[in-house]
Protein backbone atom coordinates (compact mmCIF):
# COMPACT_ATOMS: atom_id res chain seq x y z
CA MET A 1 0.00 0.00 0.00
CA ALA A 2 2.69 2.50 1.03
CA ARG A 3 4.95 1.65 -1.94
CA ALA A 4 2.04 1.93 -4.39
CA ALA A 5 0.92 5.21 -2.86
CA MET A 6 4.39 6.72 -3.25
CA SER A 7 4.02 6.58 -7.05
CA PHE A 8 1.38 9.28 -6.72
CA ALA A 9 3.58 11.58 -4.64
CA PRO A 10 4.56 13.79 -7.65
CA SER A 11 0.91 14.92 -7.90
CA LEU A 12 1.44 16.60 -4.52
CA SER A 13 4.70 18.35 -5.40
CA ASP A 14 3.07 21.77 -5.77
CA VAL A 15 0.42 21.38 -3.08
CA GLN A 16 -0.11 24.19 -0.58
CA PRO A 17 -0.95 23.12 2.98
CA LEU A 18 -3.91 25.51 3.01
CA CYS A 19 -7.68 25.20 2.82
CA PHE A 20 -8.65 26.04 -0.76
CA TRP A 21 -11.77 27.93 0.34
CA LEU A 22 -9.91 30.13 2.82
CA ASP A 23 -7.11 30.92 0.35
CA ASP A 24 -9.25 33.63 -1.21
CA PRO A 25 -8.58 37.34 -1.80
CA ALA A 26 -12.30 37.96 -1.16
CA LYS A 27 -11.81 37.14 2.52
CA PRO A 28 -13.10 40.13 4.51
CA ALA A 29 -11.21 41.91 7.26
CA ALA A 30 -11.99 40.84 10.81
CA GLU A 31 -14.36 42.91 12.90
CA PRO A 32 -12.78 44.60 15.96
CA ALA A 33 -12.34 42.57 19.12
CA LEU A 34 -14.45 43.29 22.19
CA THR A 35 -12.50 45.67 24.45
CA ALA A 36 -15.20 46.92 26.84
CA ASP A 37 -18.26 45.57 28.61
CA GLU A 38 -21.41 45.28 26.51
CA GLU A 39 -25.08 44.53 27.16
CA CYS A 40 -27.53 42.91 24.77
CA ASP A 41 -30.71 40.89 24.52
CA LEU A 42 -29.03 37.91 22.82
CA LEU A 43 -25.37 36.91 22.84
CA VAL A 44 -24.30 34.40 20.20
CA ILE A 45 -21.02 32.59 20.83
CA GLY A 46 -19.34 31.20 17.74
CA GLY A 47 -18.80 32.65 14.28
CA GLY A 48 -19.41 29.54 12.19
CA TYR A 49 -22.66 28.61 10.50
CA SER A 50 -24.45 27.82 13.75
CA GLY A 51 -23.75 31.20 15.31
CA LEU A 52 -24.13 33.26 12.14
CA TRP A 53 -27.51 31.78 11.24
CA THR A 54 -28.68 32.27 14.83
CA ALA A 55 -27.69 35.95 14.85
CA LEU A 56 -29.20 36.61 11.42
CA LEU A 57 -32.48 34.81 12.12
CA ALA A 58 -32.80 36.48 15.53
CA LYS A 59 -32.73 39.90 13.86
CA GLU A 60 -35.16 38.77 11.17
CA ARG A 61 -37.58 37.55 13.86
CA ASP A 62 -37.26 40.77 15.87
CA PRO A 63 -35.37 43.68 14.26
CA ASP A 64 -35.37 45.58 17.58
CA ARG A 65 -33.55 42.80 19.43
CA GLU A 66 -29.98 43.74 20.36
CA VAL A 67 -27.75 40.92 19.18
CA VAL A 68 -24.02 40.53 19.78
CA LEU A 69 -21.89 37.76 18.24
CA ILE A 70 -18.39 36.93 19.47
CA GLU A 71 -15.92 34.62 17.73
CA GLY A 72 -12.63 33.39 19.18
CA ARG A 73 -10.76 33.85 15.90
CA GLU A 74 -12.35 34.87 12.59
CA THR A 75 -15.70 33.87 11.15
CA GLY A 76 -15.53 30.66 9.17
CA TRP A 77 -11.93 29.78 10.07
CA ALA A 78 -12.77 26.31 11.44
CA ALA A 79 -15.16 23.61 10.17
CA SER A 80 -17.59 26.08 8.57
CA GLY A 81 -14.91 27.33 6.18
CA ARG A 82 -13.04 24.07 5.59
CA ASN A 83 -15.70 21.52 4.64
CA GLY A 84 -16.58 20.15 1.23
CA GLY A 85 -19.42 22.59 0.63
CA PHE A 86 -22.18 19.96 0.47
CA CYS A 87 -25.38 21.64 1.70
CA ALA A 88 -27.83 18.78 2.26
CA ALA A 89 -31.53 18.89 2.96
CA SER A 90 -31.26 15.99 5.38
CA LEU A 91 -31.36 16.93 9.06
CA THR A 92 -30.60 13.34 10.13
CA HIS A 93 -27.31 12.62 8.34
CA GLY A 94 -29.13 10.88 5.54
CA LEU A 95 -32.48 9.18 5.12
CA GLY A 96 -31.16 5.81 6.29
CA ASN A 97 -29.98 7.18 9.64
CA GLY A 98 -33.23 9.07 10.09
CA LEU A 99 -35.35 5.99 9.33
CA ALA A 100 -33.34 3.93 11.80
CA ARG A 101 -33.61 6.43 14.65
CA TRP A 102 -36.90 8.34 14.19
CA PRO A 103 -39.16 6.28 11.90
CA GLY A 104 -42.30 7.78 13.39
CA GLU A 105 -41.38 11.34 12.51
CA ILE A 106 -39.21 10.84 9.44
CA ALA A 107 -41.84 12.38 7.15
CA THR A 108 -41.83 15.54 9.25
CA LEU A 109 -38.02 15.60 9.46
CA GLU A 110 -37.67 15.20 5.70
CA ARG A 111 -40.23 17.95 5.02
CA LEU A 112 -38.55 20.31 7.49
CA GLY A 113 -35.19 19.52 5.90
CA GLU A 114 -36.48 20.35 2.43
CA GLU A 115 -38.02 23.57 3.72
CA ASN A 116 -34.73 24.43 5.41
CA LEU A 117 -32.72 23.95 2.21
CA ASP A 118 -35.28 26.01 0.29
CA ALA A 119 -34.90 28.76 2.92
CA ILE A 120 -31.12 28.72 2.51
CA GLU A 121 -31.54 29.05 -1.25
CA ALA A 122 -33.92 31.96 -0.69
CA ALA A 123 -31.48 33.63 1.72
CA VAL A 124 -28.74 33.41 -0.89
CA THR A 125 -30.88 35.62 -3.13
CA THR A 126 -32.40 37.86 -0.46
CA HIS A 127 -29.12 38.67 1.28
CA GLY A 128 -26.89 38.50 -1.80
CA LEU A 129 -24.76 35.67 -0.40
CA GLU A 130 -22.16 35.24 -3.15
CA CYS A 131 -21.22 31.65 -2.40
CA ASP A 132 -21.51 29.81 -5.75
CA PHE A 133 -24.75 28.12 -4.68
CA GLU A 134 -25.82 25.32 -7.10
CA ARG A 135 -28.83 23.04 -6.46
CA THR A 136 -27.18 20.11 -8.22
CA GLY A 137 -28.41 17.13 -6.21
CA GLY A 138 -26.15 14.31 -5.13
CA ILE A 139 -25.31 10.73 -6.06
CA ASP A 140 -24.24 7.96 -3.69
CA VAL A 141 -22.10 5.76 -5.91
CA ALA A 142 -21.56 2.02 -5.56
CA THR A 143 -17.98 0.83 -5.95
CA GLU A 144 -18.59 -2.75 -4.69
CA PRO A 145 -21.42 -5.15 -5.59
CA HIS A 146 -22.87 -5.11 -2.06
CA HIS A 147 -23.22 -1.33 -2.27
CA MET A 148 -25.84 -1.76 -5.00
CA THR A 149 -27.83 -4.09 -2.75
CA GLU A 150 -27.67 -1.54 0.07
CA LEU A 151 -28.63 1.39 -2.17
CA ALA A 152 -31.55 -0.55 -3.67
CA GLU A 153 -32.78 -1.35 -0.17
CA LEU A 154 -32.52 2.31 0.85
CA ARG A 155 -34.54 3.30 -2.20
CA ARG A 156 -37.16 0.66 -1.30
CA GLN A 157 -37.35 1.99 2.27
CA ALA A 158 -37.65 5.53 0.97
CA GLY A 159 -40.50 4.53 -1.32
CA ALA A 160 -42.29 2.73 1.51
CA ALA A 161 -41.98 5.89 3.61
CA GLY A 162 -43.50 7.99 0.82
CA PHE A 163 -40.34 9.44 -0.76
CA ALA A 164 -40.40 8.69 -4.46
CA GLY A 165 -37.77 11.11 -5.74
CA LEU A 166 -34.69 8.88 -5.53
CA ARG A 167 -33.40 7.32 -8.77
CA LEU A 168 -31.46 4.05 -8.78
CA LEU A 169 -28.82 4.12 -11.51
CA ASP A 170 -27.15 1.06 -13.02
CA ARG A 171 -23.53 1.01 -14.14
CA ASP A 172 -24.14 2.60 -17.54
CA ALA A 173 -26.51 5.23 -16.16
CA VAL A 174 -24.17 6.40 -13.40
CA ARG A 175 -21.17 6.47 -15.76
CA ALA A 176 -23.23 8.59 -18.17
CA GLU A 177 -23.38 11.17 -15.35
CA VAL A 178 -19.79 10.83 -14.10
CA ASP A 179 -17.40 8.40 -15.74
CA SER A 180 -15.23 6.31 -13.44
CA PRO A 181 -14.29 2.67 -14.07
CA THR A 182 -14.88 2.06 -10.34
CA PHE A 183 -18.57 3.02 -10.45
CA LEU A 184 -21.03 0.11 -10.53
CA GLY A 185 -24.20 2.15 -9.99
CA GLY A 186 -25.64 4.81 -7.77
CA LEU A 187 -28.58 6.38 -6.00
CA TRP A 188 -29.37 9.89 -7.22
CA ASP A 189 -31.29 12.44 -5.19
CA PRO A 190 -31.85 15.26 -7.73
CA ARG A 191 -32.96 17.94 -5.24
CA GLY A 192 -31.62 17.01 -1.84
CA THR A 193 -28.16 18.59 -2.08
CA ALA A 194 -26.78 21.96 -3.09
CA LEU A 195 -23.11 22.75 -3.57
CA LEU A 196 -21.57 26.01 -2.46
CA ASN A 197 -18.37 27.75 -1.42
CA PRO A 198 -18.46 27.23 2.36
CA ALA A 199 -16.11 30.03 3.38
CA ARG A 200 -17.89 32.59 1.21
CA LEU A 201 -21.17 31.52 2.77
CA THR A 202 -19.83 32.40 6.23
CA TRP A 203 -18.50 35.74 5.02
CA GLY A 204 -21.81 36.52 3.32
CA LEU A 205 -23.75 35.64 6.45
CA LYS A 206 -21.50 37.94 8.48
CA ARG A 207 -22.11 40.84 6.08
CA ALA A 208 -25.85 40.21 6.16
CA ALA A 209 -25.89 40.09 9.96
CA LEU A 210 -23.92 43.33 10.18
CA ARG A 211 -26.35 45.05 7.80
CA LEU A 212 -29.22 44.04 10.07
CA GLY A 213 -27.47 45.54 13.08
CA VAL A 214 -25.76 42.56 14.73
CA ARG A 215 -22.64 43.70 16.61
CA VAL A 216 -19.84 41.29 15.69
CA HIS A 217 -16.56 40.97 17.59
CA GLU A 218 -13.91 38.64 16.17
CA ASN A 219 -10.72 37.50 17.90
CA THR A 220 -12.79 37.47 21.09
CA PRO A 221 -12.83 34.05 22.76
CA ALA A 222 -15.50 33.32 25.36
CA LEU A 223 -13.69 32.20 28.51
CA GLU A 224 -16.45 31.72 31.06
CA LEU A 225 -20.24 31.64 31.25
CA ALA A 226 -22.04 32.38 34.52
CA SER A 227 -25.31 33.68 35.91
CA ALA A 228 -25.40 37.36 36.89
CA GLY A 229 -28.76 37.90 38.52
CA ALA A 230 -31.44 37.79 35.86
CA ARG A 231 -28.84 37.92 33.11
CA MET A 232 -25.95 35.79 31.89
CA ALA A 233 -22.38 37.08 31.95
CA VAL A 234 -19.71 35.91 29.52
CA ARG A 235 -16.11 36.80 30.22
CA THR A 236 -13.69 37.48 27.36
CA PRO A 237 -10.02 38.58 27.55
CA TRP A 238 -10.80 42.33 27.57
CA GLY A 239 -14.43 42.70 28.53
CA ARG A 240 -17.67 41.02 29.53
CA VAL A 241 -20.99 40.67 27.78
CA PHE A 242 -24.19 40.72 29.83
CA ALA A 243 -27.11 39.16 27.99
CA ARG A 244 -30.67 38.11 28.72
CA ARG A 245 -30.18 35.03 26.53
CA VAL A 246 -27.14 33.17 25.14
CA ALA A 247 -26.91 30.82 22.14
CA LEU A 248 -23.88 28.52 21.94
CA GLY A 249 -22.65 27.67 18.45
CA THR A 250 -19.21 26.38 19.45
CA ASN A 251 -19.76 22.81 18.17
CA VAL A 252 -16.40 20.95 18.16
CA PHE A 253 -14.85 23.23 20.78
CA PRO A 254 -15.39 22.46 24.49
CA SER A 255 -18.83 23.69 25.47
CA LEU A 256 -19.18 26.41 28.08
CA VAL A 257 -21.88 24.14 29.51
CA ARG A 258 -19.63 21.41 30.89
CA ARG A 259 -22.26 18.67 31.03
CA VAL A 260 -22.58 18.85 27.23
CA ARG A 261 -18.92 17.96 26.59
CA PRO A 262 -19.19 14.14 26.80
CA TYR A 263 -21.70 14.10 23.94
CA THR A 264 -19.18 15.05 21.25
CA VAL A 265 -15.69 14.04 20.19
CA PRO A 266 -13.51 15.65 17.50
CA VAL A 267 -12.74 13.59 14.42
CA TYR A 268 -10.26 14.98 11.91
CA ASP A 269 -11.13 14.87 8.22
CA TYR A 270 -8.90 15.75 5.25
CA ALA A 271 -9.33 16.94 1.66
CA LEU A 272 -7.44 17.81 -1.51
CA THR A 273 -8.27 20.03 -4.47
CA THR A 274 -6.80 19.63 -7.92
CA GLU A 275 -5.65 22.38 -10.19
CA PRO A 276 -8.50 23.56 -12.49
CA LEU A 277 -9.33 20.92 -15.08
CA THR A 278 -9.00 21.76 -18.74
CA ALA A 279 -11.99 21.36 -21.01
CA ALA A 280 -10.52 18.11 -22.35
CA GLN A 281 -9.88 16.73 -18.85
CA LEU A 282 -13.40 17.59 -17.75
CA ALA A 283 -14.84 16.00 -20.89
CA SER A 284 -12.94 12.79 -20.13
CA ILE A 285 -14.95 12.28 -16.93
CA GLY A 286 -18.24 13.88 -17.99
CA TRP A 287 -19.85 15.34 -14.86
CA SER A 288 -21.84 17.89 -16.83
CA GLY A 289 -24.53 17.78 -14.11
CA ARG A 290 -21.97 18.85 -11.48
CA GLN A 291 -23.64 16.71 -8.80
CA GLY A 292 -22.04 16.18 -5.44
CA LEU A 293 -20.79 12.61 -5.08
CA GLY A 294 -19.91 10.24 -2.28
CA ASP A 295 -19.16 6.54 -2.44
CA ALA A 296 -21.20 4.09 -0.39
CA ALA A 297 -18.36 2.54 1.62
CA ASN A 298 -18.07 2.88 5.40
CA ARG A 299 -14.73 4.62 4.87
CA PHE A 300 -16.06 6.80 2.12
CA HIS A 301 -14.84 9.58 -0.14
CA TYR A 302 -16.82 12.70 -0.99
CA PHE A 303 -16.04 14.68 -4.13
CA ARG A 304 -17.35 17.56 -6.20
CA LEU A 305 -16.43 20.23 -8.72
CA THR A 306 -15.66 23.78 -7.62
CA ALA A 307 -16.81 26.86 -9.51
CA ASP A 308 -13.51 26.92 -11.43
CA ASN A 309 -13.68 23.17 -12.21
CA ARG A 310 -11.24 21.81 -9.68
CA VAL A 311 -12.09 18.45 -8.15
CA LEU A 312 -12.35 18.52 -4.37
CA TRP A 313 -11.61 15.02 -3.06
CA GLY A 314 -11.89 14.24 0.65
CA GLY A 315 -12.79 11.76 3.33
CA TYR A 316 -11.75 8.13 3.96
CA ASP A 317 -9.44 8.64 6.93
CA ALA A 318 -11.21 9.77 10.10
CA ILE A 319 -8.68 10.48 12.84
CA TYR A 320 -9.71 10.62 16.48
CA PRO A 321 -7.03 12.17 18.73
CA TYR A 322 -6.62 10.52 22.12
CA GLY A 323 -8.50 12.45 24.78
CA GLY A 324 -10.32 14.56 22.19
CA ARG A 325 -7.28 16.80 21.86
CA LEU A 326 -7.68 19.72 19.47
CA SER A 327 -4.42 20.88 17.92
CA ALA A 328 -3.38 22.82 14.83
CA GLU A 329 -0.74 20.14 14.30
CA LEU A 330 -3.54 17.73 13.38
CA ASP A 331 -4.83 20.01 10.61
CA HIS A 332 -2.33 18.44 8.20
CA ARG A 333 -1.51 14.76 7.71
CA PRO A 334 0.83 14.00 4.79
CA GLU A 335 0.21 10.25 4.91
CA THR A 336 -3.51 10.87 4.44
CA TYR A 337 -2.88 13.27 1.56
CA LEU A 338 -0.83 10.58 -0.17
CA ARG A 339 -3.55 7.99 0.39
CA LEU A 340 -6.21 10.35 -0.95
CA ALA A 341 -4.11 11.03 -4.06
CA GLN A 342 -3.78 7.30 -4.71
CA HIS A 343 -7.52 6.78 -4.34
CA PHE A 344 -8.27 9.77 -6.60
CA PHE A 345 -6.32 8.37 -9.52
CA ARG A 346 -7.83 4.92 -8.99
CA CYS A 347 -11.25 6.56 -9.37
CA PHE A 348 -10.26 8.80 -12.30
CA PRO A 349 -7.35 7.27 -14.22
CA GLN A 350 -8.32 9.57 -17.11
CA LEU A 351 -6.86 12.45 -15.08
CA GLU A 352 -3.35 11.04 -14.85
CA GLY A 353 -0.90 13.96 -14.67
CA VAL A 354 -3.28 16.32 -12.85
CA ARG A 355 -1.70 17.94 -9.80
CA PHE A 356 -3.18 18.94 -6.49
CA SER A 357 -3.12 22.59 -5.47
CA HIS A 358 -4.35 22.56 -1.84
CA ALA A 359 -4.44 20.06 1.01
CA TRP A 360 -5.97 20.58 4.45
CA GLY A 361 -7.83 19.07 7.34
CA GLY A 362 -9.89 20.02 10.32
CA ALA A 363 -11.99 18.70 13.19
CA ILE A 364 -15.63 17.64 12.92
CA ASP A 365 -17.90 17.64 15.98
CA THR A 366 -19.08 14.05 16.10
CA CYS A 367 -21.84 12.56 18.23
CA SER A 368 -22.99 8.98 18.58
CA ARG A 369 -26.17 9.40 16.55
CA PHE A 370 -24.47 11.35 13.70
CA SER A 371 -26.95 14.24 13.75
CA ALA A 372 -27.37 17.33 15.89
CA PHE A 373 -28.71 17.43 19.42
CA PHE A 374 -30.09 20.39 21.32
CA GLY A 375 -30.77 21.62 24.83
CA THR A 376 -30.90 24.45 27.32
CA ALA A 377 -29.10 25.37 30.53
CA HIS A 378 -29.26 28.01 33.25
CA GLY A 379 -33.03 27.89 33.54
CA GLY A 380 -33.63 28.21 29.82
CA ARG A 381 -31.49 31.32 29.39
CA VAL A 382 -28.80 29.41 27.43
CA ALA A 383 -29.40 27.17 24.41
CA TYR A 384 -27.00 24.98 22.47
CA ALA A 385 -26.87 22.89 19.31
CA ALA A 386 -23.97 20.56 18.49
CA GLY A 387 -23.02 17.17 17.03
CA TYR A 388 -23.67 17.76 13.33
CA THR A 389 -21.05 15.11 12.46
CA GLY A 390 -19.92 16.56 9.15
CA LEU A 391 -23.35 17.39 7.74
CA GLY A 392 -23.88 20.82 9.21
CA VAL A 393 -23.68 23.17 6.23
CA GLY A 394 -27.45 23.04 5.85
CA ALA A 395 -28.62 21.59 9.16
CA THR A 396 -27.06 24.39 11.21
CA ARG A 397 -29.72 26.79 9.96
CA PHE A 398 -32.38 24.44 11.32
CA GLY A 399 -30.39 24.21 14.56
CA ALA A 400 -30.38 28.00 14.81
CA GLU A 401 -34.17 28.03 14.53
CA VAL A 402 -34.38 25.39 17.26
CA MET A 403 -32.13 27.39 19.61
CA LEU A 404 -34.20 30.53 19.10
CA ASP A 405 -37.41 28.58 19.74
CA LEU A 406 -35.94 27.13 22.95
CA LEU A 407 -34.73 30.51 24.17
CA ALA A 408 -38.19 31.97 23.52
CA GLY A 409 -39.76 29.15 25.52
CA GLU A 410 -41.97 28.33 22.55
CA ARG A 411 -43.40 24.91 21.75
CA THR A 412 -43.11 24.69 17.99
CA GLU A 413 -43.18 21.91 15.44
CA ARG A 414 -39.39 21.86 15.74
CA THR A 415 -39.16 21.69 19.54
CA ALA A 416 -41.85 18.98 19.68
CA LEU A 417 -39.66 16.59 17.66
CA GLU A 418 -38.27 13.54 19.44
CA MET A 419 -34.99 14.34 17.68
CA VAL A 420 -34.91 17.71 19.45
CA ARG A 421 -36.17 16.47 22.83
CA THR A 422 -33.69 13.58 23.17
CA LYS A 423 -29.92 13.32 23.43
CA PRO A 424 -27.46 10.84 21.92
CA LEU A 425 -25.55 8.49 24.18
CA PRO A 426 -22.44 10.21 25.57
CA PHE A 427 -18.97 8.93 24.85
CA PRO A 428 -17.20 7.13 27.71
CA PRO A 429 -14.06 8.55 29.34
CA GLU A 430 -10.57 7.60 28.22
CA PRO A 431 -9.09 5.13 27.58
CA VAL A 432 -12.43 3.46 26.85
CA ALA A 433 -13.35 6.03 24.18
CA TRP A 434 -10.04 5.57 22.38
CA ALA A 435 -10.33 1.79 22.42
CA GLY A 436 -13.97 1.78 21.37
CA ILE A 437 -13.51 4.24 18.52
CA GLY A 438 -10.44 2.36 17.30
CA LEU A 439 -12.25 -0.98 17.34
CA THR A 440 -15.23 0.56 15.54
CA LYS A 441 -13.03 2.01 12.80
CA TRP A 442 -11.22 -1.34 12.35
CA SER A 443 -14.55 -3.17 12.18
CA LEU A 444 -15.94 -0.75 9.58
CA ALA A 445 -12.83 -1.23 7.43
CA ARG A 446 -13.26 -5.01 7.74
CA ALA A 447 -16.90 -4.67 6.71
CA ASP A 448 -15.82 -2.82 3.58
CA GLU A 449 -13.44 -5.67 2.76
CA ARG A 450 -15.98 -8.43 3.50
CA GLY A 451 -18.92 -7.47 1.34
CA GLY A 452 -20.54 -5.26 3.95
CA HIS A 453 -20.72 -7.98 6.63
CA ARG A 454 -20.90 -6.34 10.07
CA ASN A 455 -19.12 -8.19 12.83
CA ALA A 456 -20.40 -8.77 16.36
CA TRP A 457 -18.96 -5.47 17.59
CA LEU A 458 -20.76 -3.44 14.91
CA ARG A 459 -24.01 -5.31 15.45
CA THR A 460 -23.79 -4.55 19.16
CA MET A 461 -23.08 -0.89 18.43
CA ASP A 462 -26.05 -0.81 16.06
CA ARG A 463 -28.34 -2.11 18.80
CA MET A 464 -27.00 0.56 21.19
CA GLY A 465 -27.40 3.35 18.65
CA LEU A 466 -23.64 3.99 18.52
CA GLY A 467 -20.89 3.85 15.93
CA PHE A 468 -19.07 5.79 13.23
CA ASP A 469 -19.88 5.78 9.53
CA SER A 470 -16.61 7.31 8.33
């Protein structure tokens, strides 16, 4: 494996260890840090999608509400600016996961997810969010025979649940969409995924929030959250914010509500982008529909075209650091970049000679049910949403709506959901978490090698509602 991978090393000779999306001259200047005490109605902590949507929607609900947002570094610098830019309608990390966990409310969850994606598309127009939004749909591709069996079963389950929009593609049909000799078929959802530039979405949301009167302070980490009479007080390095309500959008970073911390662990994910493809190179693989793609393996790849026709290729390795340690050193992993390059050229041998321009990684907030969970603290004055597990580009807007509903004390269709009212199982302390995650990853790799057969460990994890799918 290592010797074979080394033959692809020249494709990385010009690679920059930078996130492609963040390496952009359109990146806006940071807003000034907080340097004095402030008061507001709502304080939002976190300048990724979760926090930005919460601040923007709060002002849209009540233009007179005083909203302050603080971000420890700059908006979009972490997962919100580094992901693949797949904006999915699903709120449950895919229909299969939703059917397994909330079969009784899956119709409602799917409808709310579609409405949420429609609302994001509308916001792109209303607020002029210049983020290369394309409602392309997505294809789950089969690269092993057992994947076709699994995809056909998912389509059957979807049909039985009343969702008739999925199209099962055979080998010729999927290769007519995107041509790879590794593709044996696929399941196409024509409307359930949009592609976008994730960093530009965060920057656009920040501009829109500022226009509506949100006071944004970047390079302002929240150090402590405490009650202060009828208000909440949040301490930062150079000032405090006193707020009637607080929304936490910190996701992968340790929650200011300590009891929430065991519900998430960081898992590092990595991606490459190629140089822009020429017209001839693009023609050699087709992809005129520009759909977002992911293969159906447990250790899967996700891939898409950018606005300038680069291929973004990511996934496969999912690295859990012992103790949930977050470190900038883990943002780059040369051995994973080499492995991804090898897998890329196995998928697209037509692109031999193409070089990679950017390589990067980052931490995903992962929970045991793969989709977000929600809650309140401090007598309902603080709300949180976390655990999006790599599918938060779209779902974070829904999470923002849930947090605002919870802070308002309102019983809505969203807050009545079992998904919103319940929590995932927490992760155990170390070294049990390390051992369990390692065994799960090994078992998933074995399942990929053995025709999808899940061993006793995975079957036990399935019964408990635990596991990783990447």
